[in-house]
Amino acid sequence: MNPVSRGLLDAVGRVLGAERDSVDRVETAARVAWSAVVEPGDAVAGELLAALGPERALGAVLLAADGDSAELLDGCVEAGVAGAEDPDAFGPALESALARWRPRLTAVDVNGVFAAAEAVGARLLVPGGAGWPSALDDLGPHAPVVLWIRSASALVGDGLPALAVVGSRANTVAGAEAAAEVTSTSADAGCAIVSGGAYGIDAVAHRVAIAAGSPTVAVLAGGVDQLYPAGNVELLRNVARQGALLAESAPGTRPTRWRFLARNRLIAALADATVVVEAGARSGALNTAHHAAQLGRPVFAVPGAFASSASVGCHRLVAQGRAQLVVHPGDPTAAVLRRGAVTTGAAGTRTAGRPLAVPNEPLVSADQDPEVVRVLDALGRRALPDDEVARRSGMSLAEVADAIALAQLQGLVERRNGGWARA
């Protein structure tokens, strides 16, 4: 890694809060750089950091990005990076990772990240440091590189049992009432409430937790300085006063659909159980339930009217044996309180523990390829060249070209002077 300036080390210290003297600031600066280069959940980056350490991994990647990647591959094999025991298979994956990181490696501004964090009073949490939620370590290589937190009270990860309450943004009145009952019961039992700060069920859960005086955590899809949606800004500020706002993306990073999906794994990991109150057939809340099940966390779904489109996703979760039916508002809370005394199954174990009642078809049939979604997130009304789309999306130029070609076939983008724009 390039020499780290004294000013940068001081900036690291200012955002570390109480643990500034117990953390290696150079390693921390490298972690922050990584968080600005990779998209959330990048498994290749996670494996490199675990085996090589943040600073050594960053230095090796910078060298490889400027020249031949053979030395980086050799270093991965020598260090025992997961997957590198088969260089013929790991090599292409590493090349692909370098291609998607390269557009950002030369543009990362760690000083700017720290300045944006300081402007909103955000603090930095690092794995193994004070305040780091150890539950996130269950995500393995998909765990966040760092976390940014805005909180006027206790840090997350203080041992409180936690329930994730998620659901539709366009909730029904019955859905809001169910979310309020489940949340209130959990708050009265001393549980923290985790959600995503969005409209609908998320907002109901946060408001009820705040009214009950219970800690609540909102996991943001962009930087911790990007309070989104605009209509929930005051609510999110109240969450920061009573609980915490968390984000893994660097301050200044705008929320996108792709990052909303990625942050759902953090909501699932932070909680001891997840309850889906309302969810349409394509609701992002189903994605959170999927992550919770993969982590071995209990999943619950609230039933609704069989004709209600807002409950289709919940009904399918139960019908497919992926979630337990909420018969009483206290059912999810009871599972949270039991979880500390029960060893959960391996990742991927179904919570309901019975055969699937219906074919195991996908719960979410997305209209678009995930890479198309990332390209569309990066585009706006002004035409952008391919390299700028790559930098904004965190993809390689080759991946951008393929995604744009697919998006063009679907009539989603068009070629203009200067590059590509949404159609």
Protein backbone atom coordinates (compact mmCIF):
# COMPACT_ATOMS: atom_id res chain seq x y z
CA MET A 1 0.00 0.00 0.00
CA ASN A 2 1.15 3.53 -0.65
CA PRO A 3 2.52 5.37 2.40
CA VAL A 4 -0.29 6.57 4.65
CA SER A 5 -0.17 10.24 5.55
CA ARG A 6 -0.19 11.52 9.10
CA GLY A 7 -3.42 13.40 8.36
CA LEU A 8 -5.10 10.20 7.22
CA LEU A 9 -4.07 8.38 10.40
CA ASP A 10 -5.47 11.24 12.46
CA ALA A 11 -8.73 11.02 10.52
CA VAL A 12 -8.89 7.29 11.27
CA GLY A 13 -8.49 8.04 14.95
CA ARG A 14 -11.26 10.63 14.96
CA VAL A 15 -13.90 8.24 13.56
CA LEU A 16 -12.87 5.24 15.67
CA GLY A 17 -14.25 6.75 18.85
CA ALA A 18 -13.31 4.98 22.08
CA GLU A 19 -11.16 2.30 20.47
CA ARG A 20 -8.79 4.64 18.64
CA ASP A 21 -5.80 3.47 20.68
CA SER A 22 -6.51 -0.26 20.35
CA VAL A 23 -6.81 -0.53 16.56
CA ASP A 24 -4.10 -0.56 13.91
CA ARG A 25 -4.85 2.65 12.03
CA VAL A 26 -2.98 1.67 8.88
CA GLU A 27 -4.94 -1.58 8.65
CA THR A 28 -8.13 0.37 9.31
CA ALA A 29 -7.35 2.89 6.56
CA ALA A 30 -6.82 -0.04 4.19
CA ARG A 31 -10.20 -1.48 5.19
CA VAL A 32 -11.89 1.84 4.47
CA ALA A 33 -10.19 1.93 1.06
CA TRP A 34 -11.47 -1.58 0.37
CA SER A 35 -15.01 -0.57 1.37
CA ALA A 36 -14.89 2.22 -1.22
CA VAL A 37 -13.61 -0.09 -3.97
CA VAL A 38 -15.81 -3.18 -3.67
CA GLU A 39 -19.55 -3.58 -3.72
CA PRO A 40 -21.19 -5.06 -0.59
CA GLY A 41 -20.75 -8.79 -0.14
CA ASP A 42 -17.86 -9.26 -2.59
CA ALA A 43 -16.69 -12.78 -1.65
CA VAL A 44 -13.34 -12.60 -3.46
CA ALA A 45 -12.41 -9.47 -1.52
CA GLY A 46 -13.58 -11.11 1.69
CA GLU A 47 -11.34 -14.14 1.13
CA LEU A 48 -8.32 -11.95 0.31
CA LEU A 49 -8.78 -9.84 3.43
CA ALA A 50 -9.20 -12.90 5.63
CA ALA A 51 -6.03 -14.58 4.36
CA LEU A 52 -3.72 -11.65 3.58
CA GLY A 53 -4.98 -8.87 5.84
CA PRO A 54 -6.40 -5.56 4.56
CA GLU A 55 -3.11 -3.71 3.97
CA ARG A 56 -1.22 -6.56 2.30
CA ALA A 57 -4.24 -7.49 0.18
CA LEU A 58 -4.73 -3.90 -0.98
CA GLY A 59 -1.07 -3.52 -1.88
CA ALA A 60 -1.05 -6.79 -3.82
CA VAL A 61 -4.21 -5.85 -5.70
CA LEU A 62 -2.85 -2.40 -6.58
CA LEU A 63 0.26 -4.02 -8.05
CA ALA A 64 -1.76 -6.62 -9.92
CA ALA A 65 -4.13 -3.99 -11.31
CA ASP A 66 -1.18 -2.18 -12.89
CA GLY A 67 0.41 -5.27 -14.40
CA ASP A 68 0.41 -9.05 -14.30
CA SER A 69 -1.89 -10.82 -11.83
CA ALA A 70 0.30 -13.96 -11.70
CA GLU A 71 2.15 -12.71 -8.62
CA LEU A 72 -1.13 -12.03 -6.83
CA LEU A 73 -2.38 -15.51 -7.71
CA ASP A 74 0.85 -17.05 -6.41
CA GLY A 75 0.49 -15.05 -3.19
CA CYS A 76 -3.07 -16.28 -2.75
CA VAL A 77 -1.97 -19.90 -3.19
CA GLU A 78 0.87 -19.43 -0.71
CA ALA A 79 -1.38 -17.72 1.86
CA GLY A 80 -4.06 -20.39 1.59
CA VAL A 81 -6.82 -18.13 0.28
CA ALA A 82 -10.02 -20.18 0.10
CA GLY A 83 -10.41 -21.55 -3.42
CA ALA A 84 -6.80 -20.83 -4.43
CA GLU A 85 -5.87 -24.47 -3.89
CA ASP A 86 -7.20 -24.91 -7.44
CA PRO A 87 -5.36 -22.11 -9.34
CA ASP A 88 -6.92 -23.07 -12.68
CA ALA A 89 -10.39 -22.33 -11.29
CA PHE A 90 -9.43 -19.49 -8.92
CA GLY A 91 -7.36 -17.59 -11.49
CA PRO A 92 -10.31 -16.58 -13.71
CA ALA A 93 -12.34 -15.57 -10.65
CA LEU A 94 -9.45 -13.39 -9.49
CA GLU A 95 -9.07 -11.84 -12.95
CA SER A 96 -12.79 -11.05 -13.01
CA ALA A 97 -12.53 -9.45 -9.56
CA LEU A 98 -9.58 -7.29 -10.62
CA ALA A 99 -11.51 -6.17 -13.69
CA ARG A 100 -14.45 -4.97 -11.60
CA TRP A 101 -12.24 -3.31 -8.97
CA ARG A 102 -9.86 -1.57 -11.40
CA PRO A 103 -12.21 1.33 -12.35
CA ARG A 104 -12.41 2.39 -8.69
CA LEU A 105 -8.87 1.62 -7.50
CA THR A 106 -7.45 4.75 -9.11
CA ALA A 107 -10.32 6.97 -7.97
CA VAL A 108 -10.75 6.00 -4.32
CA ASP A 109 -10.52 8.98 -1.96
CA VAL A 110 -10.11 7.71 1.59
CA ASN A 111 -9.66 11.24 2.97
CA GLY A 112 -12.96 12.23 1.36
CA VAL A 113 -14.69 9.24 2.94
CA PHE A 114 -13.47 10.24 6.41
CA ALA A 115 -14.49 13.86 5.84
CA ALA A 116 -18.01 12.80 4.87
CA ALA A 117 -18.22 10.59 7.96
CA GLU A 118 -17.05 13.34 10.29
CA ALA A 119 -19.56 15.76 8.78
CA VAL A 120 -22.46 13.69 10.14
CA GLY A 121 -20.77 12.47 13.31
CA ALA A 122 -20.46 8.88 12.10
CA ARG A 123 -18.13 6.40 13.76
CA LEU A 124 -16.26 3.50 12.27
CA LEU A 125 -16.57 -0.11 13.43
CA VAL A 126 -14.06 -2.76 12.34
CA PRO A 127 -14.20 -6.55 12.70
CA GLY A 128 -12.99 -7.64 16.12
CA GLY A 129 -13.08 -4.09 17.49
CA ALA A 130 -15.33 -2.58 20.15
CA GLY A 131 -18.97 -2.43 19.08
CA TRP A 132 -18.58 -4.78 16.12
CA PRO A 133 -21.69 -7.02 15.90
CA SER A 134 -20.15 -10.50 16.01
CA ALA A 135 -23.30 -11.96 14.46
CA LEU A 136 -22.15 -10.52 11.14
CA ASP A 137 -19.17 -12.87 11.17
CA ASP A 138 -21.62 -15.65 10.29
CA LEU A 139 -21.67 -14.18 6.78
CA GLY A 140 -18.13 -15.44 6.21
CA PRO A 141 -16.51 -13.92 3.10
CA HIS A 142 -19.73 -11.97 2.47
CA ALA A 143 -19.39 -10.07 5.77
CA PRO A 144 -18.95 -6.29 5.53
CA VAL A 145 -15.40 -4.93 5.37
CA VAL A 146 -16.28 -2.15 7.84
CA LEU A 147 -19.41 -0.61 9.30
CA TRP A 148 -20.28 3.05 9.71
CA ILE A 149 -22.59 3.90 12.60
CA ARG A 150 -24.58 6.94 13.66
CA SER A 151 -25.81 6.49 17.20
CA ALA A 152 -26.32 8.68 20.25
CA SER A 153 -26.80 5.68 22.53
CA ALA A 154 -25.29 2.24 22.99
CA LEU A 155 -23.52 0.51 20.15
CA VAL A 156 -25.11 -2.45 18.42
CA GLY A 157 -23.83 -5.86 19.31
CA ASP A 158 -24.24 -5.28 23.05
CA GLY A 159 -25.81 -8.68 23.65
CA LEU A 160 -29.48 -7.70 23.34
CA PRO A 161 -31.70 -10.26 21.61
CA ALA A 162 -32.91 -8.84 18.31
CA LEU A 163 -35.85 -9.37 15.97
CA ALA A 164 -35.86 -8.29 12.32
CA VAL A 165 -39.25 -6.99 11.19
CA VAL A 166 -39.54 -6.57 7.42
CA GLY A 167 -42.25 -6.37 4.80
CA SER A 168 -43.88 -4.49 1.99
CA ARG A 169 -43.33 -0.79 1.35
CA ALA A 170 -46.95 -0.54 0.20
CA ASN A 171 -48.49 -2.16 3.26
CA THR A 172 -52.17 -2.53 4.04
CA VAL A 173 -53.82 -1.27 7.22
CA ALA A 174 -54.01 -4.85 8.47
CA GLY A 175 -50.29 -5.27 7.74
CA ALA A 176 -49.40 -2.16 9.71
CA GLU A 177 -51.47 -3.36 12.65
CA ALA A 178 -49.80 -6.78 12.57
CA ALA A 179 -46.34 -5.23 12.38
CA ALA A 180 -47.15 -2.97 15.32
CA GLU A 181 -48.38 -5.90 17.46
CA VAL A 182 -45.36 -8.09 16.69
CA THR A 183 -42.93 -5.23 17.29
CA SER A 184 -44.61 -4.07 20.48
CA THR A 185 -44.57 -7.60 21.92
CA SER A 186 -40.88 -7.96 21.09
CA ALA A 187 -39.99 -4.54 22.49
CA ASP A 188 -41.84 -5.29 25.74
CA ALA A 189 -39.75 -8.48 26.06
CA GLY A 190 -36.53 -6.45 25.89
CA CYS A 191 -35.59 -7.14 22.28
CA ALA A 192 -33.96 -4.74 19.86
CA ILE A 193 -35.78 -4.21 16.55
CA VAL A 194 -33.85 -4.39 13.27
CA SER A 195 -35.22 -3.22 9.92
CA GLY A 196 -34.28 -1.25 6.82
CA GLY A 197 -35.71 2.23 7.38
CA ALA A 198 -37.92 2.04 4.29
CA TYR A 199 -41.53 3.08 3.84
CA GLY A 200 -44.25 0.67 4.91
CA ILE A 201 -43.62 -2.16 7.36
CA ASP A 202 -40.03 -1.04 8.09
CA ALA A 203 -41.21 2.40 9.17
CA VAL A 204 -43.98 0.95 11.35
CA ALA A 205 -41.49 -1.30 13.13
CA HIS A 206 -39.07 1.55 13.83
CA ARG A 207 -41.81 3.91 15.04
CA VAL A 208 -43.30 1.35 17.41
CA ALA A 209 -39.86 0.51 18.81
CA ILE A 210 -39.12 4.19 19.38
CA ALA A 211 -42.49 4.72 21.07
CA ALA A 212 -41.81 1.71 23.31
CA GLY A 213 -38.35 2.99 24.24
CA SER A 214 -36.70 -0.05 22.68
CA PRO A 215 -33.38 0.10 20.79
CA THR A 216 -33.89 -0.07 17.05
CA VAL A 217 -31.39 -0.40 14.21
CA ALA A 218 -31.90 0.71 10.60
CA VAL A 219 -29.51 -0.78 8.06
CA LEU A 220 -29.05 1.63 5.15
CA ALA A 221 -28.48 0.72 1.52
CA GLY A 222 -26.13 3.63 0.82
CA GLY A 223 -23.69 5.61 2.91
CA VAL A 224 -24.55 6.41 6.51
CA ASP A 225 -24.84 10.06 5.46
CA GLN A 226 -27.49 9.24 2.84
CA LEU A 227 -30.81 9.26 4.71
CA TYR A 228 -33.24 7.58 2.33
CA PRO A 229 -36.12 7.66 1.55
CA ALA A 230 -36.59 11.41 1.87
CA GLY A 231 -39.95 11.02 3.59
CA ASN A 232 -38.32 9.05 6.42
CA VAL A 233 -35.45 11.43 7.18
CA GLU A 234 -36.89 12.54 10.52
CA LEU A 235 -37.71 8.94 11.44
CA LEU A 236 -34.14 7.87 10.67
CA ARG A 237 -32.78 10.69 12.81
CA ASN A 238 -34.95 9.44 15.67
CA VAL A 239 -33.61 5.92 15.09
CA ALA A 240 -30.06 7.30 15.42
CA ARG A 241 -31.02 9.00 18.71
CA GLN A 242 -32.52 5.88 20.29
CA GLY A 243 -30.69 3.10 18.47
CA ALA A 244 -28.37 3.18 15.48
CA LEU A 245 -28.08 3.75 11.77
CA LEU A 246 -25.68 1.29 10.16
CA ALA A 247 -24.15 1.18 6.68
CA GLU A 248 -21.36 -0.85 5.12
CA SER A 249 -20.89 1.34 2.04
CA ALA A 250 -18.57 4.31 2.36
CA PRO A 251 -20.15 7.66 3.29
CA GLY A 252 -21.17 9.44 0.11
CA THR A 253 -22.36 6.23 -1.56
CA ARG A 254 -25.88 6.61 -2.90
CA PRO A 255 -28.47 3.87 -2.34
CA THR A 256 -29.36 1.72 -5.34
CA ARG A 257 -31.64 -1.26 -5.90
CA TRP A 258 -28.64 -3.56 -5.94
CA ARG A 259 -27.41 -2.23 -2.59
CA PHE A 260 -30.90 -2.57 -1.10
CA LEU A 261 -30.77 -6.28 -1.91
CA ALA A 262 -27.21 -6.60 -0.57
CA ARG A 263 -28.01 -4.89 2.74
CA ASN A 264 -30.79 -7.42 3.42
CA ARG A 265 -28.17 -10.01 4.39
CA LEU A 266 -27.03 -7.66 7.19
CA ILE A 267 -30.57 -7.27 8.52
CA ALA A 268 -30.92 -11.06 8.60
CA ALA A 269 -27.53 -11.59 10.24
CA LEU A 270 -27.98 -8.92 12.93
CA ALA A 271 -31.23 -10.48 14.18
CA ASP A 272 -31.87 -13.71 16.05
CA ALA A 273 -35.03 -14.25 14.00
CA THR A 274 -36.80 -12.57 11.09
CA VAL A 275 -40.52 -12.00 10.65
CA VAL A 276 -42.02 -11.06 7.28
CA VAL A 277 -45.27 -9.21 7.92
CA GLU A 278 -46.45 -8.56 4.37
CA ALA A 279 -44.70 -9.34 1.09
CA GLY A 280 -45.81 -9.41 -2.51
CA ALA A 281 -44.52 -12.05 -4.91
CA ARG A 282 -41.43 -9.95 -5.71
CA SER A 283 -40.91 -8.17 -2.40
CA GLY A 284 -37.37 -7.52 -1.23
CA ALA A 285 -38.46 -8.78 2.19
CA LEU A 286 -38.38 -12.31 0.73
CA ASN A 287 -34.70 -11.76 0.02
CA THR A 288 -34.16 -10.99 3.71
CA ALA A 289 -36.02 -14.18 4.65
CA HIS A 290 -33.82 -16.16 2.27
CA HIS A 291 -30.64 -14.82 3.90
CA ALA A 292 -32.00 -15.56 7.39
CA ALA A 293 -32.75 -19.15 6.43
CA GLN A 294 -29.29 -19.56 4.89
CA LEU A 295 -27.80 -18.41 8.20
CA GLY A 296 -29.91 -20.86 10.19
CA ARG A 297 -32.01 -18.10 11.78
CA PRO A 298 -35.72 -18.76 12.42
CA VAL A 299 -38.04 -17.20 9.83
CA PHE A 300 -41.70 -16.32 10.45
CA ALA A 301 -44.43 -15.08 8.13
CA VAL A 302 -47.68 -13.34 9.05
CA PRO A 303 -50.73 -14.71 7.17
CA GLY A 304 -53.15 -12.46 5.38
CA ALA A 305 -56.26 -12.76 3.24
CA PHE A 306 -55.74 -15.42 0.57
CA ALA A 307 -56.83 -12.94 -2.11
CA SER A 308 -54.45 -10.22 -0.92
CA SER A 309 -51.50 -9.60 -3.26
CA ALA A 310 -49.67 -8.08 -0.29
CA SER A 311 -49.55 -11.49 1.41
CA VAL A 312 -48.66 -13.77 -1.50
CA GLY A 313 -44.99 -13.88 -0.56
CA CYS A 314 -45.76 -14.70 3.09
CA HIS A 315 -48.11 -17.51 2.10
CA ARG A 316 -45.56 -19.03 -0.24
CA LEU A 317 -42.86 -18.89 2.43
CA VAL A 318 -45.07 -20.94 4.73
CA ALA A 319 -46.36 -23.27 2.00
CA GLN A 320 -42.81 -24.09 0.89
CA GLY A 321 -41.69 -24.81 4.44
CA ARG A 322 -39.34 -21.83 4.52
CA ALA A 323 -41.09 -20.01 7.35
CA GLN A 324 -43.18 -20.72 10.40
CA LEU A 325 -46.68 -19.32 10.55
CA VAL A 326 -47.23 -16.51 13.04
CA VAL A 327 -50.24 -17.70 15.04
CA HIS A 328 -49.72 -15.24 17.90
CA PRO A 329 -47.84 -11.88 17.86
CA GLY A 330 -45.44 -13.30 20.45
CA ASP A 331 -44.31 -16.27 18.34
CA PRO A 332 -41.28 -14.55 16.74
CA THR A 333 -40.23 -13.09 20.09
CA ALA A 334 -40.38 -16.50 21.75
CA ALA A 335 -38.06 -17.85 19.05
CA VAL A 336 -35.63 -14.97 19.61
CA LEU A 337 -35.50 -15.61 23.34
CA ARG A 338 -35.08 -19.37 22.82
CA ARG A 339 -32.33 -19.03 20.27
CA GLY A 340 -29.63 -18.31 22.81
CA ALA A 341 -30.20 -21.73 24.39
CA VAL A 342 -30.66 -23.73 21.19
CA THR A 343 -27.94 -24.65 18.71
CA THR A 344 -29.09 -23.70 15.23
CA GLY A 345 -28.63 -25.95 12.25
CA ALA A 346 -26.14 -25.53 9.45
CA ALA A 347 -26.54 -22.71 6.96
CA GLY A 348 -29.32 -23.53 4.56
CA THR A 349 -31.36 -25.64 7.04
CA ARG A 350 -35.09 -24.95 6.70
CA THR A 351 -36.52 -23.42 9.84
CA ALA A 352 -39.88 -25.15 9.65
CA GLY A 353 -38.24 -28.58 9.60
CA ARG A 354 -40.86 -30.33 7.46
CA PRO A 355 -41.04 -31.44 3.81
CA LEU A 356 -41.86 -28.81 1.24
CA ALA A 357 -45.59 -28.63 0.64
CA VAL A 358 -45.27 -27.21 -2.88
CA PRO A 359 -42.56 -27.28 -5.57
CA ASN A 360 -39.46 -25.35 -4.59
CA GLU A 361 -39.85 -22.63 -7.21
CA PRO A 362 -38.06 -19.27 -6.93
CA LEU A 363 -39.82 -16.82 -4.66
CA VAL A 364 -38.72 -13.79 -6.63
CA SER A 365 -38.80 -13.88 -10.41
CA ALA A 366 -36.86 -10.72 -11.15
CA ASP A 367 -37.56 -9.04 -14.47
CA GLN A 368 -33.90 -8.31 -15.00
CA ASP A 369 -30.52 -9.91 -14.62
CA PRO A 370 -28.75 -8.64 -11.43
CA GLU A 371 -25.95 -7.12 -13.52
CA VAL A 372 -28.53 -5.27 -15.64
CA VAL A 373 -29.99 -3.88 -12.41
CA ARG A 374 -26.54 -2.62 -11.36
CA VAL A 375 -25.97 -0.96 -14.74
CA LEU A 376 -29.39 0.70 -14.64
CA ASP A 377 -28.64 1.93 -11.10
CA ALA A 378 -25.49 3.59 -12.45
CA LEU A 379 -27.20 5.27 -15.40
CA GLY A 380 -29.28 8.41 -15.39
CA ARG A 381 -30.63 10.87 -17.92
CA ARG A 382 -27.17 12.07 -18.88
CA ALA A 383 -25.23 9.72 -21.14
CA LEU A 384 -22.23 8.02 -19.51
CA PRO A 385 -19.26 6.24 -21.14
CA ASP A 386 -18.63 2.57 -20.38
CA ASP A 387 -15.73 3.25 -18.00
CA GLU A 388 -17.85 5.59 -15.86
CA VAL A 389 -20.66 3.03 -15.75
CA ALA A 390 -18.09 0.45 -14.59
CA ARG A 391 -16.84 2.73 -11.84
CA ARG A 392 -20.33 3.52 -10.55
CA SER A 393 -21.59 -0.05 -10.68
CA GLY A 394 -18.48 -1.80 -9.35
CA MET A 395 -18.34 -4.05 -12.41
CA SER A 396 -15.67 -4.77 -14.99
CA LEU A 397 -15.83 -3.20 -18.45
CA ALA A 398 -16.58 -6.63 -19.94
CA GLU A 399 -19.46 -7.18 -17.50
CA VAL A 400 -20.80 -3.70 -18.26
CA ALA A 401 -20.71 -4.39 -22.00
CA ASP A 402 -22.65 -7.65 -21.56
CA ALA A 403 -25.22 -6.08 -19.23
CA ILE A 404 -25.75 -3.09 -21.52
CA ALA A 405 -26.27 -5.40 -24.47
CA LEU A 406 -28.96 -7.29 -22.56
CA ALA A 407 -30.56 -4.07 -21.33
CA GLN A 408 -30.61 -2.72 -24.87
CA LEU A 409 -32.45 -5.84 -26.09
CA GLN A 410 -35.07 -5.17 -23.41
CA GLY A 411 -35.38 -1.54 -24.48
CA LEU A 412 -34.08 -0.28 -21.12
CA VAL A 413 -31.09 1.73 -22.37
CA GLU A 414 -30.18 3.67 -25.47
CA ARG A 415 -27.01 4.92 -27.10
CA ARG A 416 -26.53 8.69 -27.11
CA ASN A 417 -23.69 11.08 -27.75
CA GLY A 418 -21.17 10.44 -25.02
CA GLY A 419 -22.31 6.96 -24.02
CA TRP A 420 -25.34 5.19 -22.62
CA ALA A 421 -28.44 6.44 -20.82
CA ARG A 422 -31.72 5.02 -19.65
CA ALA A 423 -34.34 4.77 -22.36
